[in-house]
Amino acid sequence: MPEPVLLTPGVFYAAACVICGMVALATGSSWTTAGTIGVALIAIATNLPYVGIFLRLLAVALGMGATALAFWGSRGMKAG
């Protein structure tokens, strides 16, 4: 009987993007987010028991989440 998979690659990409976005929004720095949370999520992705997560696509998701919400958060803070 196969084990149920809790985290599929598609969900992992989306979760990585959202996690990086929230941390970038909280800290206001996309570089800090990519350097800490991004490295941790890449380490998790390389050690997952199943194959199917492409690190290049994960890097895009991390960068997209970190830069988009950090940019939006910094603009929102200056406008208010």
Foldseek 3Di string as FASTA:
>chain_A
DDDDDPADQVNLLVVLLQVLLVVCLVVLDLVVSCVPSVVVSLVVLVPDPDDDHDNVSSSVSNSNSNVVNSVVNVVVVVVD
